[in-house]
C-alpha atoms as a PDB file:
ATOM      1  CA  MET A   1      11.398  11.161  10.283  1.00  0.00           C
ATOM      2  CA  GLN A   2      13.087   7.813  10.821  1.00  0.00           C
ATOM      3  CA  LYS A   3      14.322   5.883   7.781  1.00  0.00           C
ATOM      4  CA  ARG A   4      14.016   2.207   6.950  1.00  0.00           C
ATOM      5  CA  MET A   5      15.759  -0.050   4.457  1.00  0.00           C
ATOM      6  CA  LEU A   6      13.474  -2.213   2.336  1.00  0.00           C
ATOM      7  CA  GLY A   7      15.173  -5.557   2.819  1.00  0.00           C
ATOM      8  CA  ARG A   8      18.634  -5.943   1.330  1.00  0.00           C
ATOM      9  CA  SER A   9      17.834  -3.984  -1.821  1.00  0.00           C
ATOM     10  CA  GLY A  10      19.597  -0.804  -0.781  1.00  0.00           C
ATOM     11  CA  LEU A  11      16.332   1.111  -1.126  1.00  0.00           C
ATOM     12  CA  GLU A  12      16.014   3.466   1.850  1.00  0.00           C
ATOM     13  CA  VAL A  13      12.717   5.234   2.502  1.00  0.00           C
ATOM     14  CA  SER A  14      10.972   7.080   5.309  1.00  0.00           C
ATOM     15  CA  ALA A  15       9.593   4.742   7.982  1.00  0.00           C
ATOM     16  CA  MET A  16       6.117   5.913   7.001  1.00  0.00           C
ATOM     17  CA  GLY A  17       5.139   6.295   3.370  1.00  0.00           C
ATOM     18  CA  LEU A  18       2.123   7.952   1.791  1.00  0.00           C
ATOM     19  CA  GLY A  19      -0.388   5.911  -0.162  1.00  0.00           C
ATOM     20  CA  CYS A  20      -1.719   8.369  -2.735  1.00  0.00           C
ATOM     21  CA  MET A  21      -4.570   6.268  -4.160  1.00  0.00           C
ATOM     22  CA  GLY A  22      -7.325   7.845  -2.070  1.00  0.00           C
ATOM     23  CA  LEU A  23      -6.603  11.284  -3.453  1.00  0.00           C
ATOM     24  CA  SER A  24      -7.948  10.188  -6.827  1.00  0.00           C
ATOM     25  CA  HIS A  25      -9.578   6.793  -6.578  1.00  0.00           C
ATOM     26  CA  ALA A  26     -11.726   4.316  -4.640  1.00  0.00           C
ATOM     27  CA  TYR A  27     -13.066   6.527  -1.852  1.00  0.00           C
ATOM     28  CA  GLY A  28     -15.430   8.688  -3.861  1.00  0.00           C
ATOM     29  CA  PRO A  29     -14.699  11.791  -5.962  1.00  0.00           C
ATOM     30  CA  ALA A  30     -11.067  12.770  -6.478  1.00  0.00           C
ATOM     31  CA  VAL A  31      -9.758  15.767  -4.569  1.00  0.00           C
ATOM     32  CA  ASP A  32      -9.035  18.822  -6.674  1.00  0.00           C
ATOM     33  CA  THR A  33      -5.503  19.144  -8.009  1.00  0.00           C
ATOM     34  CA  LYS A  34      -4.552  22.055  -5.748  1.00  0.00           C
ATOM     35  CA  THR A  35      -5.621  20.152  -2.614  1.00  0.00           C
ATOM     36  CA  GLY A  36      -3.846  16.982  -3.680  1.00  0.00           C
ATOM     37  CA  ILE A  37      -0.591  18.745  -4.485  1.00  0.00           C
ATOM     38  CA  ALA A  38      -0.708  20.646  -1.189  1.00  0.00           C
ATOM     39  CA  LEU A  39      -1.170  17.458   0.828  1.00  0.00           C
ATOM     40  CA  ILE A  40       1.668  15.611  -0.932  1.00  0.00           C
ATOM     41  CA  ARG A  41       4.016  18.553  -0.473  1.00  0.00           C
ATOM     42  CA  GLU A  42       3.036  18.801   3.193  1.00  0.00           C
ATOM     43  CA  ALA A  43       4.030  15.145   3.518  1.00  0.00           C
ATOM     44  CA  VAL A  44       7.440  15.964   2.067  1.00  0.00           C
ATOM     45  CA  GLU A  45       7.827  18.885   4.491  1.00  0.00           C
ATOM     46  CA  ARG A  46       7.067  16.526   7.369  1.00  0.00           C
ATOM     47  CA  GLY A  47       9.719  14.015   6.320  1.00  0.00           C
ATOM     48  CA  ILE A  48       7.950  11.480   4.123  1.00  0.00           C
ATOM     49  CA  THR A  49      10.135  10.384   1.199  1.00  0.00           C
ATOM     50  CA  PHE A  50       8.145   7.360  -0.057  1.00  0.00           C
ATOM     51  CA  PHE A  51       5.109   7.896  -2.284  1.00  0.00           C
ATOM     52  CA  ASP A  52       2.911   5.156  -3.734  1.00  0.00           C
ATOM     53  CA  THR A  53       0.767   5.491  -6.853  1.00  0.00           C
ATOM     54  CA  ALA A  54      -0.355   3.374  -9.836  1.00  0.00           C
ATOM     55  CA  GLU A  55      -1.649   3.787 -13.369  1.00  0.00           C
ATOM     56  CA  ALA A  56      -4.888   2.136 -12.204  1.00  0.00           C
ATOM     57  CA  TYR A  57      -5.701   4.912  -9.731  1.00  0.00           C
ATOM     58  CA  GLY A  58      -8.095   7.035 -11.719  1.00  0.00           C
ATOM     59  CA  PRO A  59      -6.930   5.563 -14.025  1.00  0.00           C
ATOM     60  CA  PHE A  60      -3.911   7.729 -14.757  1.00  0.00           C
ATOM     61  CA  ILE A  61      -4.890  10.880 -12.857  1.00  0.00           C
ATOM     62  CA  ASN A  62      -3.147   9.884  -9.639  1.00  0.00           C
ATOM     63  CA  GLU A  63       0.208   9.460 -11.352  1.00  0.00           C
ATOM     64  CA  THR A  64      -0.223  12.872 -12.972  1.00  0.00           C
ATOM     65  CA  LEU A  65      -1.019  14.413  -9.597  1.00  0.00           C
ATOM     66  CA  VAL A  66       1.933  12.750  -7.861  1.00  0.00           C
ATOM     67  CA  GLY A  67       4.273  13.755 -10.662  1.00  0.00           C
ATOM     68  CA  ALA A  68       3.221  17.394 -10.478  1.00  0.00           C
ATOM     69  CA  ALA A  69       3.453  17.503  -6.692  1.00  0.00           C
ATOM     70  CA  LEU A  70       6.882  15.920  -6.444  1.00  0.00           C
ATOM     71  CA  ALA A  71       8.595  17.529  -9.424  1.00  0.00           C
ATOM     72  CA  PRO A  72      10.326  20.220  -7.295  1.00  0.00           C
ATOM     73  CA  VAL A  73      11.762  17.615  -4.886  1.00  0.00           C
ATOM     74  CA  ARG A  74      12.312  14.693  -7.259  1.00  0.00           C
ATOM     75  CA  LYS A  75      15.863  13.981  -6.106  1.00  0.00           C
ATOM     76  CA  ASP A  76      14.751  13.694  -2.468  1.00  0.00           C
ATOM     77  CA  VAL A  77      11.916  11.185  -2.832  1.00  0.00           C
ATOM     78  CA  VAL A  78      11.183   7.604  -3.837  1.00  0.00           C
ATOM     79  CA  ILE A  79       8.251   7.124  -6.221  1.00  0.00           C
ATOM     80  CA  ALA A  80       6.607   3.720  -6.561  1.00  0.00           C
ATOM     81  CA  THR A  81       4.072   2.901  -9.256  1.00  0.00           C
ATOM     82  CA  LYS A  82       2.523  -0.241 -10.729  1.00  0.00           C
ATOM     83  CA  PHE A  83       1.535  -2.116 -13.873  1.00  0.00           C
ATOM     84  CA  GLY A  84      -0.634  -5.181 -14.246  1.00  0.00           C
ATOM     85  CA  PHE A  85      -4.252  -4.316 -14.923  1.00  0.00           C
ATOM     86  CA  ASP A  86      -5.698  -4.481 -18.414  1.00  0.00           C
ATOM     87  CA  ILE A  87      -6.247  -0.785 -19.063  1.00  0.00           C
ATOM     88  CA  ASP A  88      -6.302   0.837 -22.489  1.00  0.00           C
ATOM     89  CA  LEU A  89      -3.452   3.326 -22.423  1.00  0.00           C
ATOM     90  CA  GLU A  90      -5.245   5.702 -24.788  1.00  0.00           C
ATOM     91  CA  THR A  91      -8.750   5.781 -23.336  1.00  0.00           C
ATOM     92  CA  GLY A  92      -8.318   4.486 -19.796  1.00  0.00           C
ATOM     93  CA  ALA A  93     -10.989   1.863 -20.433  1.00  0.00           C
ATOM     94  CA  ARG A  94     -10.704  -1.212 -18.214  1.00  0.00           C
ATOM     95  CA  SER A  95     -11.420  -4.766 -19.259  1.00  0.00           C
ATOM     96  CA  GLY A  96     -11.807  -5.837 -15.638  1.00  0.00           C
ATOM     97  CA  GLY A  97      -8.886  -8.220 -15.959  1.00  0.00           C
ATOM     98  CA  VAL A  98      -5.112  -8.257 -15.638  1.00  0.00           C
ATOM     99  CA  ASN A  99      -2.378  -7.872 -18.229  1.00  0.00           C
ATOM    100  CA  SER A 100       1.315  -8.466 -17.621  1.00  0.00           C
ATOM    101  CA  ARG A 101       2.333  -9.339 -21.155  1.00  0.00           C
ATOM    102  CA  PRO A 102       5.884  -8.035 -21.700  1.00  0.00           C
ATOM    103  CA  GLU A 103       4.850  -5.553 -24.392  1.00  0.00           C
ATOM    104  CA  HIS A 104       2.131  -4.171 -22.117  1.00  0.00           C
ATOM    105  CA  ILE A 105       4.537  -3.802 -19.183  1.00  0.00           C
ATOM    106  CA  ARG A 106       6.856  -1.782 -21.402  1.00  0.00           C
ATOM    107  CA  ALA A 107       4.047   0.441 -22.671  1.00  0.00           C
ATOM    108  CA  VAL A 108       2.755   1.081 -19.155  1.00  0.00           C
ATOM    109  CA  ALA A 109       6.239   1.927 -17.869  1.00  0.00           C
ATOM    110  CA  GLU A 110       6.787   4.444 -20.662  1.00  0.00           C
ATOM    111  CA  ALA A 111       3.406   6.047 -20.018  1.00  0.00           C
ATOM    112  CA  SER A 112       4.048   6.216 -16.276  1.00  0.00           C
ATOM    113  CA  LEU A 113       7.410   7.892 -16.795  1.00  0.00           C
ATOM    114  CA  LYS A 114       5.697  10.630 -18.801  1.00  0.00           C
ATOM    115  CA  ARG A 115       2.828  11.151 -16.360  1.00  0.00           C
ATOM    116  CA  LEU A 116       5.171  11.214 -13.377  1.00  0.00           C
ATOM    117  CA  LYS A 117       7.590  13.531 -15.211  1.00  0.00           C
ATOM    118  CA  ILE A 118      10.570  11.397 -14.261  1.00  0.00           C
ATOM    119  CA  ASP A 119      13.413   9.622 -16.064  1.00  0.00           C
ATOM    120  CA  MET A 120      13.435   6.540 -13.827  1.00  0.00           C
ATOM    121  CA  ILE A 121      10.771   4.774 -11.755  1.00  0.00           C
ATOM    122  CA  ASP A 122      12.287   4.075  -8.335  1.00  0.00           C
ATOM    123  CA  LEU A 123      10.100   1.047  -7.620  1.00  0.00           C
ATOM    124  CA  LEU A 124       7.916  -0.655 -10.214  1.00  0.00           C
ATOM    125  CA  TYR A 125       5.449  -3.217  -8.878  1.00  0.00           C
ATOM    126  CA  GLN A 126       3.401  -5.829 -10.654  1.00  0.00           C
ATOM    127  CA  HIS A 127       0.019  -4.756  -9.276  1.00  0.00           C
ATOM    128  CA  ARG A 128      -1.625  -8.173  -9.546  1.00  0.00           C
ATOM    129  CA  VAL A 129      -0.265 -11.533 -10.650  1.00  0.00           C
ATOM    130  CA  ASP A 130      -1.278 -12.474 -14.193  1.00  0.00           C
ATOM    131  CA  PRO A 131      -1.990 -16.232 -14.352  1.00  0.00           C
ATOM    132  CA  GLN A 132      -1.598 -16.150 -18.149  1.00  0.00           C
ATOM    133  CA  VAL A 133       1.981 -14.847 -18.079  1.00  0.00           C
ATOM    134  CA  PRO A 134       4.793 -16.755 -16.331  1.00  0.00           C
ATOM    135  CA  ILE A 135       6.189 -14.644 -13.521  1.00  0.00           C
ATOM    136  CA  GLU A 136       9.646 -15.335 -14.949  1.00  0.00           C
ATOM    137  CA  ASP A 137       8.645 -13.412 -18.092  1.00  0.00           C
ATOM    138  CA  VAL A 138       7.356 -10.546 -15.971  1.00  0.00           C
ATOM    139  CA  ALA A 139      10.541 -10.383 -13.901  1.00  0.00           C
ATOM    140  CA  GLY A 140      12.642 -10.666 -17.032  1.00  0.00           C
ATOM    141  CA  THR A 141      10.877  -7.721 -18.640  1.00  0.00           C
ATOM    142  CA  VAL A 142      11.415  -5.548 -15.581  1.00  0.00           C
ATOM    143  CA  ARG A 143      15.056  -6.698 -15.488  1.00  0.00           C
ATOM    144  CA  GLU A 144      15.403  -5.330 -19.034  1.00  0.00           C
ATOM    145  CA  LEU A 145      13.804  -2.030 -17.996  1.00  0.00           C
ATOM    146  CA  ILE A 146      16.285  -1.825 -15.114  1.00  0.00           C
ATOM    147  CA  ALA A 147      19.182  -2.467 -17.524  1.00  0.00           C
ATOM    148  CA  GLU A 148      17.847   0.337 -19.738  1.00  0.00           C
ATOM    149  CA  GLY A 149      17.817   2.774 -16.800  1.00  0.00           C
ATOM    150  CA  LYS A 150      14.043   3.234 -16.826  1.00  0.00           C
ATOM    151  CA  VAL A 151      13.389   1.393 -13.553  1.00  0.00           C
ATOM    152  CA  LYS A 152      15.548   1.126 -10.431  1.00  0.00           C
ATOM    153  CA  HIS A 153      13.842  -1.586  -8.345  1.00  0.00           C
ATOM    154  CA  PHE A 154      11.308  -4.374  -8.956  1.00  0.00           C
ATOM    155  CA  GLY A 155       8.360  -5.075  -6.679  1.00  0.00           C
ATOM    156  CA  LEU A 156       5.366  -7.392  -6.428  1.00  0.00           C
ATOM    157  CA  SER A 157       1.919  -6.790  -4.944  1.00  0.00           C
ATOM    158  CA  GLU A 158      -0.587  -9.322  -3.627  1.00  0.00           C
ATOM    159  CA  ALA A 159       1.737 -12.176  -4.623  1.00  0.00           C
ATOM    160  CA  GLY A 160       2.072 -15.529  -2.883  1.00  0.00           C
ATOM    161  CA  ALA A 161       5.259 -17.130  -1.562  1.00  0.00           C
ATOM    162  CA  GLN A 162       6.026 -19.349  -4.556  1.00  0.00           C
ATOM    163  CA  THR A 163       5.452 -16.519  -7.020  1.00  0.00           C
ATOM    164  CA  ILE A 164       7.819 -14.332  -5.024  1.00  0.00           C
ATOM    165  CA  ARG A 165      10.521 -17.017  -5.050  1.00  0.00           C
ATOM    166  CA  ARG A 166      10.230 -17.619  -8.786  1.00  0.00           C
ATOM    167  CA  ALA A 167      10.354 -13.911  -9.616  1.00  0.00           C
ATOM    168  CA  HIS A 168      13.274 -13.293  -7.265  1.00  0.00           C
ATOM    169  CA  MET A 169      15.403 -15.878  -9.068  1.00  0.00           C
ATOM    170  CA  VAL A 170      15.133 -13.879 -12.304  1.00  0.00           C
ATOM    171  CA  GLN A 171      15.259 -10.332 -10.946  1.00  0.00           C
ATOM    172  CA  PRO A 172      15.762  -9.576  -7.239  1.00  0.00           C
ATOM    173  CA  VAL A 173      12.529  -8.281  -5.715  1.00  0.00           C
ATOM    174  CA  ALA A 174      13.126  -5.182  -3.610  1.00  0.00           C
ATOM    175  CA  ALA A 175       9.689  -4.993  -2.001  1.00  0.00           C
ATOM    176  CA  LEU A 176       6.425  -6.847  -1.665  1.00  0.00           C
ATOM    177  CA  GLN A 177       3.299  -4.779  -1.151  1.00  0.00           C
ATOM    178  CA  ASN A 178       0.441  -6.673   0.493  1.00  0.00           C
ATOM    179  CA  GLU A 179      -2.295  -5.677   2.882  1.00  0.00           C
ATOM    180  CA  TYR A 180      -1.271  -5.974   6.539  1.00  0.00           C
ATOM    181  CA  SER A 181      -2.762  -4.586   9.739  1.00  0.00           C
ATOM    182  CA  LEU A 182      -4.192  -5.592  13.089  1.00  0.00           C
ATOM    183  CA  TRP A 183      -7.344  -6.376  11.106  1.00  0.00           C
ATOM    184  CA  TYR A 184      -5.678  -8.473   8.397  1.00  0.00           C
ATOM    185  CA  ARG A 185      -2.745 -10.603   9.490  1.00  0.00           C
ATOM    186  CA  ALA A 186      -2.585 -13.288   6.801  1.00  0.00           C
ATOM    187  CA  PRO A 187       0.990 -12.300   5.783  1.00  0.00           C
ATOM    188  CA  GLU A 188       2.179 -13.744   9.097  1.00  0.00           C
ATOM    189  CA  GLN A 189       1.301 -17.257   7.950  1.00  0.00           C
ATOM    190  CA  GLU A 190       3.989 -17.543   5.272  1.00  0.00           C
ATOM    191  CA  ILE A 191       4.703 -14.297   3.457  1.00  0.00           C
ATOM    192  CA  LEU A 192       6.724 -12.456   6.120  1.00  0.00           C
ATOM    193  CA  ALA A 193       9.045 -15.427   6.640  1.00  0.00           C
ATOM    194  CA  THR A 194       9.537 -15.739   2.892  1.00  0.00           C
ATOM    195  CA  VAL A 195      10.465 -12.115   2.295  1.00  0.00           C
ATOM    196  CA  GLU A 196      12.719 -12.084   5.362  1.00  0.00           C
ATOM    197  CA  GLU A 197      14.588 -15.133   4.068  1.00  0.00           C
ATOM    198  CA  LEU A 198      15.043 -13.536   0.644  1.00  0.00           C
ATOM    199  CA  GLY A 199      15.941 -10.080   1.917  1.00  0.00           C
ATOM    200  CA  ILE A 200      12.842  -8.397   0.495  1.00  0.00           C
ATOM    201  CA  GLY A 201      11.198  -5.389   2.128  1.00  0.00           C
ATOM    202  CA  PHE A 202       7.507  -5.403   2.968  1.00  0.00           C
ATOM    203  CA  VAL A 203       5.225  -2.448   2.218  1.00  0.00           C
ATOM    204  CA  ALA A 204       1.959  -2.636   4.147  1.00  0.00           C
ATOM    205  CA  PHE A 205      -1.027  -1.154   2.368  1.00  0.00           C
ATOM    206  CA  SER A 206      -4.294  -0.487   4.223  1.00  0.00           C
ATOM    207  CA  PRO A 207      -2.441  -0.506   7.572  1.00  0.00           C
ATOM    208  CA  LEU A 208      -5.490   1.288   8.990  1.00  0.00           C
ATOM    209  CA  GLY A 209      -7.970  -1.135   7.452  1.00  0.00           C
ATOM    210  CA  ALA A 210      -9.239   1.411   4.888  1.00  0.00           C
ATOM    211  CA  GLY A 211      -9.946   3.818   7.738  1.00  0.00           C
ATOM    212  CA  PHE A 212     -11.670   1.355  10.060  1.00  0.00           C
ATOM    213  CA  LEU A 213      -8.864   1.241  12.643  1.00  0.00           C
ATOM    214  CA  THR A 214      -8.875   5.020  13.070  1.00  0.00           C
ATOM    215  CA  GLY A 215     -11.974   4.685  15.245  1.00  0.00           C
ATOM    216  CA  ALA A 216     -13.836   7.169  13.054  1.00  0.00           C
ATOM    217  CA  MET A 217     -16.554   4.645  12.141  1.00  0.00           C
ATOM    218  CA  ASP A 218     -19.322   3.026  14.129  1.00  0.00           C
ATOM    219  CA  THR A 219     -22.036   0.451  13.512  1.00  0.00           C
ATOM    220  CA  SER A 220     -24.203   3.054  11.759  1.00  0.00           C
ATOM    221  CA  THR A 221     -21.521   3.977   9.212  1.00  0.00           C
ATOM    222  CA  ARG A 222     -22.634   3.620   5.600  1.00  0.00           C
ATOM    223  CA  PHE A 223     -20.678   4.324   2.416  1.00  0.00           C
ATOM    224  CA  ALA A 224     -21.622   6.072  -0.820  1.00  0.00           C
ATOM    225  CA  SER A 225     -21.966   3.899  -3.908  1.00  0.00           C
ATOM    226  CA  THR A 226     -18.818   5.557  -5.305  1.00  0.00           C
ATOM    227  CA  ASP A 227     -16.810   4.322  -2.296  1.00  0.00           C
ATOM    228  CA  PHE A 228     -15.349   0.837  -2.822  1.00  0.00           C
ATOM    229  CA  ARG A 229     -16.028  -0.001   0.830  1.00  0.00           C
ATOM    230  CA  SER A 230     -19.744  -0.136  -0.016  1.00  0.00           C
ATOM    231  CA  MET A 231     -18.963  -3.426  -1.801  1.00  0.00           C
ATOM    232  CA  VAL A 232     -16.560  -4.898   0.758  1.00  0.00           C
ATOM    233  CA  PRO A 233     -17.951  -7.702   2.963  1.00  0.00           C
ATOM    234  CA  ARG A 234     -16.075  -6.673   6.111  1.00  0.00           C
ATOM    235  CA  PHE A 235     -17.768  -3.249   5.975  1.00  0.00           C
ATOM    236  CA  ALA A 236     -21.281  -4.626   5.571  1.00  0.00           C
ATOM    237  CA  PRO A 237     -23.627  -3.494   8.390  1.00  0.00           C
ATOM    238  CA  GLU A 238     -23.822  -6.941   9.975  1.00  0.00           C
ATOM    239  CA  ALA A 239     -20.009  -7.290   9.872  1.00  0.00           C
ATOM    240  CA  LEU A 240     -19.315  -3.836  11.307  1.00  0.00           C
ATOM    241  CA  GLU A 241     -21.099  -4.673  14.522  1.00  0.00           C
ATOM    242  CA  THR A 242     -18.876  -7.699  15.099  1.00  0.00           C
ATOM    243  CA  ASN A 243     -15.682  -6.093  13.850  1.00  0.00           C
ATOM    244  CA  MET A 244     -16.118  -3.056  16.080  1.00  0.00           C
ATOM    245  CA  GLN A 245     -14.757  -5.162  18.945  1.00  0.00           C
ATOM    246  CA  LEU A 246     -11.296  -4.684  17.460  1.00  0.00           C
ATOM    247  CA  VAL A 247     -11.670  -0.913  17.378  1.00  0.00           C
ATOM    248  CA  THR A 248     -12.839  -0.896  20.995  1.00  0.00           C
ATOM    249  CA  LEU A 249      -9.679  -2.751  21.973  1.00  0.00           C
ATOM    250  CA  ILE A 250      -7.433  -0.362  20.033  1.00  0.00           C
ATOM    251  CA  ARG A 251      -9.157   2.631  21.618  1.00  0.00           C
ATOM    252  CA  GLU A 252      -8.407   1.241  25.081  1.00  0.00           C
ATOM    253  CA  ILE A 253      -4.741   0.706  24.249  1.00  0.00           C
ATOM    254  CA  ALA A 254      -4.499   4.155  22.680  1.00  0.00           C
ATOM    255  CA  ALA A 255      -5.874   5.773  25.821  1.00  0.00           C
ATOM    256  CA  SER A 256      -3.184   4.076  27.891  1.00  0.00           C
ATOM    257  CA  LYS A 257      -0.459   5.339  25.552  1.00  0.00           C
ATOM    258  CA  ALA A 258      -1.819   8.903  25.196  1.00  0.00           C
ATOM    259  CA  ALA A 259      -2.138   8.198  21.494  1.00  0.00           C
ATOM    260  CA  THR A 260      -4.930   7.874  18.949  1.00  0.00           C
ATOM    261  CA  PRO A 261      -6.275   4.546  17.663  1.00  0.00           C
ATOM    262  CA  ALA A 262      -4.695   5.203  14.268  1.00  0.00           C
ATOM    263  CA  GLN A 263      -1.311   5.816  15.872  1.00  0.00           C
ATOM    264  CA  VAL A 264      -1.479   2.559  17.833  1.00  0.00           C
ATOM    265  CA  ALA A 265      -2.498   0.617  14.731  1.00  0.00           C
ATOM    266  CA  LEU A 266       0.399   2.074  12.738  1.00  0.00           C
ATOM    267  CA  ALA A 267       2.888   1.692  15.583  1.00  0.00           C
ATOM    268  CA  TRP A 268       1.915  -1.978  15.790  1.00  0.00           C
ATOM    269  CA  VAL A 269       2.727  -2.496  12.105  1.00  0.00           C
ATOM    270  CA  LEU A 270       6.048  -0.675  12.497  1.00  0.00           C
ATOM    271  CA  ALA A 271       6.923  -2.840  15.504  1.00  0.00           C
ATOM    272  CA  GLN A 272       6.542  -6.129  13.649  1.00  0.00           C
ATOM    273  CA  ARG A 273       9.774  -5.964  11.622  1.00  0.00           C
ATOM    274  CA  PRO A 274      12.373  -3.242  10.965  1.00  0.00           C
ATOM    275  CA  TRP A 275      11.953  -3.705   7.204  1.00  0.00           C
ATOM    276  CA  ILE A 276       8.184  -3.141   7.109  1.00  0.00           C
ATOM    277  CA  VAL A 277       6.953   0.261   5.902  1.00  0.00           C
ATOM    278  CA  PRO A 278       3.246   1.155   6.153  1.00  0.00           C
ATOM    279  CA  ILE A 279       1.738   3.482   3.542  1.00  0.00           C
ATOM    280  CA  PRO A 280      -1.480   4.903   4.998  1.00  0.00           C
ATOM    281  CA  GLY A 281      -3.377   7.299   2.786  1.00  0.00           C
ATOM    282  CA  THR A 282      -5.400  10.366   3.635  1.00  0.00           C
ATOM    283  CA  THR A 283      -6.885  13.483   2.061  1.00  0.00           C
ATOM    284  CA  LYS A 284      -6.564  15.582   5.230  1.00  0.00           C
ATOM    285  CA  VAL A 285      -3.464  17.322   6.586  1.00  0.00           C
ATOM    286  CA  ALA A 286      -4.568  16.705  10.187  1.00  0.00           C
ATOM    287  CA  ARG A 287      -4.739  12.963   9.551  1.00  0.00           C
ATOM    288  CA  LEU A 288      -1.377  13.092   7.793  1.00  0.00           C
ATOM    289  CA  ALA A 289       0.196  14.671  10.871  1.00  0.00           C
ATOM    290  CA  GLU A 290      -1.509  12.137  13.115  1.00  0.00           C
ATOM    291  CA  ASN A 291      -0.212   9.236  11.056  1.00  0.00           C
ATOM    292  CA  ILE A 292       3.343  10.558  10.959  1.00  0.00           C
ATOM    293  CA  ALA A 293       3.318  10.983  14.732  1.00  0.00           C
ATOM    294  CA  ALA A 294       2.786   7.218  15.010  1.00  0.00           C
ATOM    295  CA  THR A 295       6.498   6.798  14.303  1.00  0.00           C
ATOM    296  CA  GLU A 296       7.108   8.293  17.752  1.00  0.00           C
ATOM    297  CA  VAL A 297       4.753   5.910  19.575  1.00  0.00           C
ATOM    298  CA  THR A 298       6.687   3.142  21.291  1.00  0.00           C
ATOM    299  CA  LEU A 299       5.046  -0.187  21.957  1.00  0.00           C
ATOM    300  CA  THR A 300       7.022  -2.222  24.451  1.00  0.00           C
ATOM    301  CA  ALA A 301       7.342  -6.002  24.405  1.00  0.00           C
ATOM    302  CA  ASP A 302       4.690  -6.086  27.135  1.00  0.00           C
ATOM    303  CA  ASP A 303       2.419  -3.803  25.085  1.00  0.00           C
ATOM    304  CA  LEU A 304       2.760  -6.059  22.064  1.00  0.00           C
ATOM    305  CA  LYS A 305       2.064  -9.163  24.143  1.00  0.00           C
ATOM    306  CA  THR A 306      -1.043  -7.537  25.617  1.00  0.00           C
ATOM    307  CA  ILE A 307      -2.268  -6.609  22.155  1.00  0.00           C
ATOM    308  CA  GLU A 308      -1.541 -10.084  20.815  1.00  0.00           C
ATOM    309  CA  ASN A 309      -3.470 -11.802  23.592  1.00  0.00           C
ATOM    310  CA  ALA A 310      -6.412  -9.427  23.324  1.00  0.00           C
ATOM    311  CA  VAL A 311      -6.653  -9.630  19.527  1.00  0.00           C
ATOM    312  CA  ALA A 312      -6.499 -13.432  19.665  1.00  0.00           C
ATOM    313  CA  ALA A 313      -9.757 -13.405  21.595  1.00  0.00           C
ATOM    314  CA  ILE A 314     -11.571 -11.376  18.906  1.00  0.00           C
ATOM    315  CA  ASN A 315     -13.086 -12.948  15.808  1.00  0.00           C
ATOM    316  CA  THR A 316     -13.590 -10.458  12.998  1.00  0.00           C
ATOM    317  CA  ILE A 317     -15.679 -11.355   9.965  1.00  0.00           C
ATOM    318  CA  GLY A 318     -15.950 -10.517   6.250  1.00  0.00           C
ATOM    319  CA  ASP A 319     -13.507 -10.621   3.353  1.00  0.00           C
ATOM    320  CA  ARG A 320     -11.255  -7.617   2.810  1.00  0.00           C
ATOM    321  CA  LEU A 321     -12.190  -7.233  -0.872  1.00  0.00           C
ATOM    322  CA  PRO A 322     -15.267  -7.779  -3.033  1.00  0.00           C
ATOM    323  CA  PRO A 323     -15.516 -11.324  -4.470  1.00  0.00           C
ATOM    324  CA  ALA A 324     -14.269 -10.379  -7.943  1.00  0.00           C
ATOM    325  CA  ALA A 325     -11.244  -8.553  -6.518  1.00  0.00           C
ATOM    326  CA  MET A 326     -10.419 -11.453  -4.191  1.00  0.00           C
ATOM    327  CA  LYS A 327     -10.134 -13.730  -7.243  1.00  0.00           C
ATOM    328  CA  MET A 328      -7.530 -11.398  -8.743  1.00  0.00           C
ATOM    329  CA  THR A 329      -5.055 -11.679  -5.866  1.00  0.00           C
ATOM    330  CA  GLY A 330      -2.245 -14.178  -6.086  1.00  0.00           C
ATOM    331  CA  LEU A 331      -2.706 -15.253  -2.480  1.00  0.00           C
END
């Protein structure tokens, strides 16, 4: 497995990470503990060293799963988790809002350390920007946690350019985690230039468009009510028909490269900058192997130009998140 440095932070990780959310959250029922642990350990065996979780996934159960799976190899991996939603740390009850008050950040960090069975969180992200708490206070709190040896690096998620700059002045931001894929390219407008200027790494979540870019869906695909995609506008039946044009294009490119659509989609993300690390998630070992193999797919300058020109001619439709979730991003 190739390695990548997340900006100028000194944080080195595998070129492909593993997003662990889907093992416990958002895509229907959680996998059983044995299956989840086996998949995470298979990822380690195949060279992945970067694992992404959050207190909100479950809530709590994903961190517990990740902690149990990685305990035997703790010194060889990088574990990222997040704070920022308003979740009762005793009951797991959600208010539906955000909470980055300093005392809450501290409580969440302590709880995450226990669930993950670790002494230090390698990368602690603010999951969503809290408009009620100055980002300087958030960064300052994480700076204190770093000084105390409880956190190693500070990250932001779904944050805009000015928020990133303000936070970075208080405590250097190691990584920004935002959605980025052939299906969602908004970070190219301002965010990528900002993080490059500041020496911040970029972690791309949903690099496969929540499974859409794998080519496994078609216009008849429908989602269970327990699957968050059932509420997402871009997955609505009328949107799928239009958006399928993008998948058709990726299939054609994949055929020419003797690769799968998922591998082309991931290789495209990897080709954008040397400090971008995608974190696709999966519950299946076969998909894990397929995703990892994307690091061996080479897209030439001509390939990238062909993709760029073809994608420019396609208009996809539908927001990437439900309306309420869109309002909670800092973008």
